[in-house]
Amino acid sequence: MDGNSKVFNTDTGNLLPDELPADMFHYQLQALSADKATQLYHYLRDNLAWQQPSIHVFGKWHPIPRLQAYIGDPDSAYEYSKQVFSPMPWPEPLARMRERLNNQLGCKFNAVLVNYYRNGLDSMGWHADDEPELGAQPTIASLSLGALRKFKLRHKHSRVVTDVPLRHGSLLIMKGHSQQHFEHSLPKQRKVTQGRINLTFRHIDASLL
């Protein structure tokens, strides 16, 4: 654990600690029942066309340490790390989930980035979802399926890190100025042997590209 890291116990319900302001973050412990979450996990693992693209880091290209699939409406191309990702069509289970979240949150999600962490050796480095096409104050709904992994949030100025263990079927909402003030990551956890799938629903405004 980081020396200045704080651990939040997500067993306690929907409240997050003071370090994570309510106007930027909301945690829902059980957005999906365990059975429905497991069913969706297996469907996505077995049916999505997983890819492992390379990203440009410090002048070199490296394959990302996870698999991913980008799904969305035809006009929701997404650009990051000097690449443009064209969306694949919505499979029915994700179309239903998108509609449910749009109704629940009052959003207009038109895309979802799905990351598959095959085991604890797969990871995601520190970053903020602050690409121009997401807008100035994006709302991102992060649904977790599968193995418990430790999601880290780091304030860009104080550098305080909060660990949020994201549980099977849970939903973390990041909104408002969250991407301006915080970075997030999913570090390696070598003892984790099972897979995890994370879905981040978002609205892409192609006119901002």
Protein backbone atom coordinates (compact mmCIF):
# COMPACT_ATOMS: atom_id res chain seq x y z
CA MET A 1 0.00 0.00 0.00
CA ASP A 2 1.15 3.57 -0.67
CA GLY A 3 2.57 5.35 2.35
CA ASN A 4 -0.16 8.00 2.33
CA SER A 5 -2.94 5.68 1.20
CA LYS A 6 -6.26 5.33 2.98
CA VAL A 7 -8.45 2.24 2.67
CA PHE A 8 -12.21 2.55 2.37
CA ASN A 9 -14.27 -0.46 3.44
CA THR A 10 -16.87 -0.90 0.71
CA ASP A 11 -18.81 -3.43 2.78
CA THR A 12 -20.45 -0.53 4.61
CA GLY A 13 -22.77 0.52 1.80
CA ASN A 14 -23.11 3.52 -0.48
CA LEU A 15 -21.17 6.19 1.43
CA LEU A 16 -17.66 7.24 0.47
CA PRO A 17 -15.10 8.91 2.77
CA ASP A 18 -14.69 12.68 3.03
CA GLU A 19 -11.60 12.55 0.79
CA LEU A 20 -13.98 11.69 -2.09
CA PRO A 21 -16.56 14.52 -2.29
CA ALA A 22 -20.19 13.55 -2.84
CA ASP A 23 -20.50 15.97 -5.75
CA MET A 24 -17.78 14.01 -7.57
CA PHE A 25 -18.25 10.37 -6.48
CA HIS A 26 -21.04 8.01 -5.52
CA TYR A 27 -20.68 4.30 -4.73
CA GLN A 28 -23.52 1.78 -5.02
CA LEU A 29 -22.60 -1.48 -3.33
CA GLN A 30 -25.00 -3.73 -5.26
CA ALA A 31 -26.13 -2.28 -8.57
CA LEU A 32 -26.63 -5.85 -9.81
CA SER A 33 -27.49 -8.93 -7.81
CA ALA A 34 -24.71 -11.49 -7.50
CA ASP A 35 -26.47 -13.87 -9.90
CA LYS A 36 -27.07 -11.22 -12.58
CA ALA A 37 -23.55 -9.87 -12.21
CA THR A 38 -22.10 -13.36 -12.65
CA GLN A 39 -24.30 -14.01 -15.67
CA LEU A 40 -23.20 -10.76 -17.31
CA TYR A 41 -19.53 -11.44 -16.49
CA HIS A 42 -19.60 -14.83 -18.24
CA TYR A 43 -21.50 -13.44 -21.22
CA LEU A 44 -18.99 -10.64 -21.76
CA ARG A 45 -15.94 -12.81 -21.15
CA ASP A 46 -17.10 -15.41 -23.67
CA ASN A 47 -18.71 -13.23 -26.36
CA LEU A 48 -16.98 -9.87 -26.72
CA ALA A 49 -14.34 -9.42 -29.43
CA TRP A 50 -11.49 -8.66 -27.04
CA GLN A 51 -8.49 -6.69 -28.28
CA GLN A 52 -5.09 -5.78 -26.87
CA PRO A 53 -4.04 -2.56 -28.57
CA SER A 54 -0.73 -0.82 -28.03
CA ILE A 55 -0.43 2.67 -26.56
CA HIS A 56 2.27 5.31 -26.98
CA VAL A 57 4.17 5.92 -23.73
CA PHE A 58 7.43 7.87 -23.45
CA GLY A 59 8.13 7.58 -27.15
CA LYS A 60 7.51 3.83 -27.42
CA TRP A 61 4.55 1.59 -28.22
CA HIS A 62 3.52 -0.95 -25.59
CA PRO A 63 0.64 -3.48 -25.55
CA ILE A 64 -1.79 -2.60 -22.78
CA PRO A 65 -1.66 -5.00 -19.77
CA ARG A 66 -5.30 -6.10 -20.14
CA LEU A 67 -7.86 -6.83 -22.85
CA GLN A 68 -10.49 -4.35 -23.93
CA ALA A 69 -13.53 -3.83 -26.14
CA TYR A 70 -14.99 -0.47 -27.12
CA ILE A 71 -18.72 -0.43 -27.81
CA GLY A 72 -20.97 2.45 -28.73
CA ASP A 73 -23.17 4.32 -31.14
CA PRO A 74 -21.76 4.87 -34.65
CA ASP A 75 -20.79 8.50 -33.90
CA SER A 76 -18.91 7.75 -30.66
CA ALA A 77 -15.31 7.26 -31.84
CA TYR A 78 -12.93 7.73 -28.89
CA GLU A 79 -9.37 9.05 -29.03
CA TYR A 80 -6.65 8.52 -26.44
CA SER A 81 -2.92 7.83 -26.43
CA LYS A 82 -2.67 9.02 -30.05
CA GLN A 83 -5.17 6.43 -31.30
CA VAL A 84 -8.77 6.59 -32.45
CA PHE A 85 -10.98 3.69 -31.39
CA SER A 86 -14.07 2.99 -33.48
CA PRO A 87 -16.99 1.46 -31.59
CA MET A 88 -18.36 -2.03 -32.05
CA PRO A 89 -22.18 -2.41 -32.06
CA TRP A 90 -24.07 -2.82 -28.81
CA PRO A 91 -24.75 -6.43 -27.77
CA GLU A 92 -28.24 -6.72 -26.31
CA PRO A 93 -27.21 -7.14 -22.62
CA LEU A 94 -25.11 -3.96 -22.75
CA ALA A 95 -27.79 -2.04 -24.64
CA ARG A 96 -30.20 -2.88 -21.81
CA MET A 97 -27.66 -1.87 -19.18
CA ARG A 98 -27.00 1.43 -20.99
CA GLU A 99 -30.74 2.19 -21.07
CA ARG A 100 -31.09 1.35 -17.38
CA LEU A 101 -28.19 3.61 -16.37
CA ASN A 102 -29.39 6.46 -18.58
CA ASN A 103 -32.80 6.29 -16.91
CA GLN A 104 -31.36 5.91 -13.41
CA LEU A 105 -28.76 8.68 -13.67
CA GLY A 106 -30.40 11.02 -16.17
CA CYS A 107 -27.45 10.61 -18.53
CA LYS A 108 -27.08 10.12 -22.26
CA PHE A 109 -24.40 7.43 -22.35
CA ASN A 110 -23.58 6.49 -25.93
CA ALA A 111 -20.47 4.34 -25.39
CA VAL A 112 -18.85 1.93 -22.97
CA LEU A 113 -15.20 0.94 -22.62
CA VAL A 114 -14.96 -2.63 -21.33
CA ASN A 115 -11.68 -3.75 -19.74
CA TYR A 116 -10.97 -7.40 -18.97
CA TYR A 117 -8.32 -8.01 -16.32
CA ARG A 118 -7.59 -11.70 -16.73
CA ASN A 119 -5.87 -12.00 -13.34
CA GLY A 120 -3.94 -9.87 -10.88
CA LEU A 121 -1.07 -9.33 -13.32
CA ASP A 122 -3.29 -7.21 -15.58
CA SER A 123 -3.51 -3.57 -14.56
CA MET A 124 -4.24 0.06 -15.43
CA GLY A 125 -1.82 2.92 -14.75
CA TRP A 126 -2.55 6.33 -13.25
CA HIS A 127 -4.70 8.53 -15.49
CA ALA A 128 -7.75 10.77 -15.60
CA ASP A 129 -10.59 10.42 -18.09
CA ASP A 130 -10.16 13.97 -19.33
CA GLU A 131 -10.10 13.57 -23.10
CA PRO A 132 -11.76 16.53 -24.89
CA GLU A 133 -14.57 14.43 -26.38
CA LEU A 134 -15.80 13.58 -22.87
CA GLY A 135 -16.57 17.22 -22.11
CA ALA A 136 -15.53 19.43 -19.18
CA GLN A 137 -17.46 17.60 -16.44
CA PRO A 138 -18.14 14.06 -17.64
CA THR A 139 -20.25 11.53 -15.78
CA ILE A 140 -18.70 8.06 -15.93
CA ALA A 141 -20.51 5.02 -14.55
CA SER A 142 -18.08 2.23 -13.64
CA LEU A 143 -19.63 -1.23 -13.20
CA SER A 144 -17.43 -3.97 -11.71
CA LEU A 145 -17.85 -7.70 -12.34
CA GLY A 146 -15.77 -10.61 -11.08
CA ALA A 147 -12.78 -10.63 -8.76
CA LEU A 148 -12.39 -7.97 -6.08
CA ARG A 149 -9.70 -5.51 -7.13
CA LYS A 150 -8.34 -2.45 -5.34
CA PHE A 151 -9.22 0.72 -7.26
CA LYS A 152 -7.06 3.70 -6.33
CA LEU A 153 -8.03 7.37 -6.44
CA ARG A 154 -5.33 10.02 -6.03
CA HIS A 155 -5.92 13.73 -5.57
CA LYS A 156 -3.82 15.62 -8.08
CA HIS A 157 -2.72 18.29 -5.60
CA SER A 158 -2.64 16.74 -2.11
CA ARG A 159 -1.46 13.37 -3.56
CA VAL A 160 -3.60 11.58 -0.96
CA VAL A 161 -4.55 8.11 -2.23
CA THR A 162 -7.80 6.39 -1.31
CA ASP A 163 -8.20 2.66 -1.95
CA VAL A 164 -11.73 1.66 -2.95
CA PRO A 165 -12.16 -2.14 -3.22
CA LEU A 166 -14.65 -2.50 -6.09
CA ARG A 167 -16.90 -5.47 -5.48
CA HIS A 168 -18.76 -7.82 -7.80
CA GLY A 169 -21.89 -6.04 -9.06
CA SER A 170 -20.97 -2.62 -7.63
CA LEU A 171 -21.27 0.73 -9.41
CA LEU A 172 -18.97 3.72 -8.91
CA ILE A 173 -20.15 7.04 -10.36
CA MET A 174 -17.50 9.66 -11.14
CA LYS A 175 -18.96 13.04 -12.06
CA GLY A 176 -18.60 16.82 -11.90
CA HIS A 177 -14.99 17.94 -11.52
CA SER A 178 -13.75 14.46 -10.52
CA GLN A 179 -11.49 14.07 -13.57
CA GLN A 180 -9.99 17.53 -13.07
CA HIS A 181 -9.03 16.88 -9.45
CA PHE A 182 -8.38 13.12 -9.27
CA GLU A 183 -6.48 10.39 -11.10
CA HIS A 184 -7.28 6.70 -10.80
CA SER A 185 -5.54 3.38 -11.35
CA LEU A 186 -5.91 -0.37 -10.92
CA PRO A 187 -2.51 -1.73 -9.80
CA LYS A 188 -1.30 -5.29 -10.08
CA GLN A 189 -2.30 -7.70 -7.29
CA ARG A 190 -0.28 -10.84 -7.82
CA LYS A 191 -2.35 -12.92 -5.41
CA VAL A 192 -5.53 -12.40 -7.46
CA THR A 193 -6.00 -15.39 -9.76
CA GLN A 194 -9.53 -14.73 -11.04
CA GLY A 195 -10.68 -12.33 -13.74
CA ARG A 196 -12.40 -8.97 -13.44
CA ILE A 197 -14.40 -7.07 -16.05
CA ASN A 198 -14.97 -3.34 -15.68
CA LEU A 199 -17.42 -1.35 -17.78
CA THR A 200 -17.15 2.45 -17.91
CA PHE A 201 -20.21 4.00 -19.53
CA ARG A 202 -19.65 7.50 -20.89
CA HIS A 203 -21.00 10.12 -23.30
CA ILE A 204 -18.80 10.92 -26.29
CA ASP A 205 -19.29 14.23 -28.09
CA ALA A 206 -17.61 13.70 -31.46
CA SER A 207 -17.78 17.44 -32.20
CA LEU A 208 -15.16 18.00 -29.47
CA LEU A 209 -12.55 15.76 -31.10
